[in-house]
Protein backbone atom coordinates (compact mmCIF):
# COMPACT_ATOMS: atom_id res chain seq x y z
CA MET A 1 40.27 32.28 -24.00
CA TRP A 2 43.03 30.45 -22.38
CA HIS A 3 45.83 29.17 -24.49
CA ASN A 4 48.90 27.37 -23.22
CA PRO A 5 51.59 27.12 -26.12
CA GLN A 6 53.52 24.65 -23.80
CA SER A 7 51.02 21.96 -23.97
CA PRO A 8 48.79 21.73 -27.00
CA GLY A 9 48.20 18.01 -26.59
CA ILE A 10 46.77 18.40 -22.99
CA VAL A 11 44.28 21.02 -24.38
CA ALA A 12 43.30 18.69 -27.20
CA GLU A 13 42.89 15.76 -24.83
CA HIS A 14 40.73 17.76 -22.49
CA MET A 15 38.66 19.03 -25.54
CA LEU A 16 38.08 15.35 -26.65
CA LYS A 17 37.23 14.40 -23.31
CA ASN A 18 34.58 17.05 -22.81
CA LEU A 19 33.15 16.12 -26.39
CA ARG A 20 33.02 12.55 -25.43
CA GLU A 21 31.07 13.40 -22.02
CA ILE A 22 28.65 15.62 -24.08
CA LEU A 23 27.98 12.93 -26.71
CA LEU A 24 27.47 10.39 -23.91
CA THR A 25 25.21 12.37 -21.56
CA GLU A 26 23.02 13.88 -24.10
CA TYR A 27 22.72 10.52 -26.22
CA ILE A 28 23.56 12.43 -29.19
CA GLY A 29 26.35 9.86 -29.87
CA SER A 30 23.84 6.96 -29.89
CA ILE A 31 21.49 8.95 -32.15
CA LEU A 32 24.34 9.57 -34.52
CA ILE A 33 25.59 6.05 -34.54
CA ALA A 34 22.02 5.02 -35.46
CA LEU A 35 21.60 7.69 -38.27
CA LEU A 36 24.93 6.52 -39.85
CA ALA A 37 23.93 2.75 -39.71
CA LEU A 38 20.55 3.92 -40.99
CA GLN A 39 22.15 5.81 -43.90
CA ALA A 40 24.42 2.76 -44.83
CA ALA A 41 21.17 0.53 -44.88
CA VAL A 42 19.47 3.21 -47.16
CA GLU A 43 22.39 3.35 -49.47
CA PHE A 44 22.59 -0.50 -49.62
CA ILE A 45 18.94 -0.93 -50.53
CA THR A 46 19.21 2.02 -53.10
CA THR A 47 22.30 0.34 -54.71
CA VAL A 48 20.49 -3.22 -54.76
CA VAL A 49 17.41 -1.70 -56.26
CA ARG A 50 19.16 0.44 -58.88
CA THR A 51 21.42 -2.41 -59.88
CA GLY A 52 18.31 -4.84 -60.13
CA PHE A 53 16.37 -2.24 -62.21
CA TRP A 54 19.28 -2.05 -64.68
CA PHE A 55 19.42 -5.71 -65.09
CA PHE A 56 15.69 -6.10 -65.63
CA ASN A 57 14.92 -2.93 -67.74
CA GLN A 58 18.18 -2.73 -69.99
CA PRO A 59 17.15 -0.51 -72.99
CA HIS A 60 17.73 -2.48 -76.20
CA THR A 61 18.29 -0.46 -79.10
CA LYS A 62 18.23 -1.85 -82.63
CA SER A 63 21.01 -0.65 -85.07
CA VAL A 64 20.73 -0.08 -88.51
CA LEU A 65 22.57 -3.47 -89.27
CA GLY A 66 20.09 -5.41 -87.10
CA ARG A 67 22.14 -5.86 -84.05
CA SER A 68 21.00 -4.85 -80.66
CA SER A 69 23.03 -2.92 -78.15
CA SER A 70 22.55 -2.10 -74.66
CA ALA A 71 23.74 0.53 -72.27
CA PRO A 72 26.92 -0.60 -70.45
CA PHE A 73 26.64 -1.24 -66.69
CA ARG A 74 27.87 1.74 -64.70
CA TRP A 75 30.47 0.12 -62.42
CA ASP A 76 31.82 3.32 -61.25
CA THR A 77 28.63 4.22 -59.48
CA LEU A 78 28.39 0.72 -57.88
CA ILE A 79 31.93 1.06 -56.63
CA PHE A 80 31.35 4.53 -55.45
CA ASP A 81 28.33 3.33 -53.57
CA GLY A 82 30.22 0.44 -52.01
CA VAL A 83 32.82 2.84 -50.74
CA LYS A 84 30.16 5.18 -49.27
CA ILE A 85 28.46 2.32 -47.61
CA ALA A 86 31.75 1.02 -46.13
CA LEU A 87 32.63 4.62 -44.85
CA TYR A 88 29.24 5.12 -43.10
CA LEU A 89 29.70 1.48 -41.41
CA LEU A 90 33.25 2.22 -40.37
CA THR A 91 32.49 5.73 -38.94
CA ALA A 92 29.55 4.31 -36.91
CA TYR A 93 31.71 1.40 -35.78
CA GLY A 94 34.60 3.71 -34.84
CA LEU A 95 32.27 6.22 -32.96
CA ALA A 96 30.59 3.26 -31.07
CA ARG A 97 34.03 2.00 -30.01
CA TRP A 98 35.16 5.32 -28.84
CA LEU A 99 31.87 6.23 -26.81
CA TYR A 100 31.09 2.73 -25.59
CA PRO A 101 34.34 0.74 -24.95
CA ASP A 102 34.41 -2.98 -24.45
CA SER A 103 33.19 -4.37 -21.16
CA ALA A 104 36.30 -6.21 -20.82
CA THR A 105 38.32 -3.11 -21.01
CA VAL A 106 36.15 -1.52 -18.30
CA SER A 107 36.11 -4.59 -16.07
CA LEU A 108 40.01 -4.80 -16.13
CA ASP A 109 40.30 -1.38 -14.54
CA SER A 110 38.56 -2.80 -11.37
CA ASP A 111 40.51 -3.12 -8.26
CA THR A 112 39.92 -6.69 -7.20
CA PRO A 113 40.93 -9.58 -9.59
CA SER A 114 37.75 -11.57 -8.84
CA GLU A 115 35.54 -8.76 -10.25
CA ALA A 116 37.78 -8.56 -13.31
CA LEU A 117 37.50 -12.28 -14.12
CA GLY A 118 33.76 -12.70 -13.74
CA SER A 119 31.79 -14.89 -11.47
CA ASP A 120 32.28 -18.16 -13.19
CA GLN A 121 36.24 -17.91 -13.41
CA ALA A 122 36.50 -16.58 -10.08
CA ASP A 123 34.75 -19.55 -8.55
CA GLN A 124 37.04 -21.96 -10.23
CA SER A 125 40.20 -20.48 -9.02
């Protein structure tokens, strides 16, 4: 295997470029983005259903003195699930931005200014 200790940044950049090319040409990237978004949706629905189930079916127990008590709400799982949902969505968004950059960024790389501005703005100038 070829190793150049002088330029580890160039090797890493080349590997990332190859990874991006594979993810784009094999449609693995779009499938991965869809799976991450789907997992976030499943986690959200599960959290909502679990919270609703707790509110509607709180186990009330009678104490010896006649008072009723209920199990406390588990805030730690709600916060943990919220963080998981946010991480799934942020990962899907970051991957989508890396694989499919803005059309404005791509159009600014064109050679002629009329192509970069668009047809409406080019006609006005």
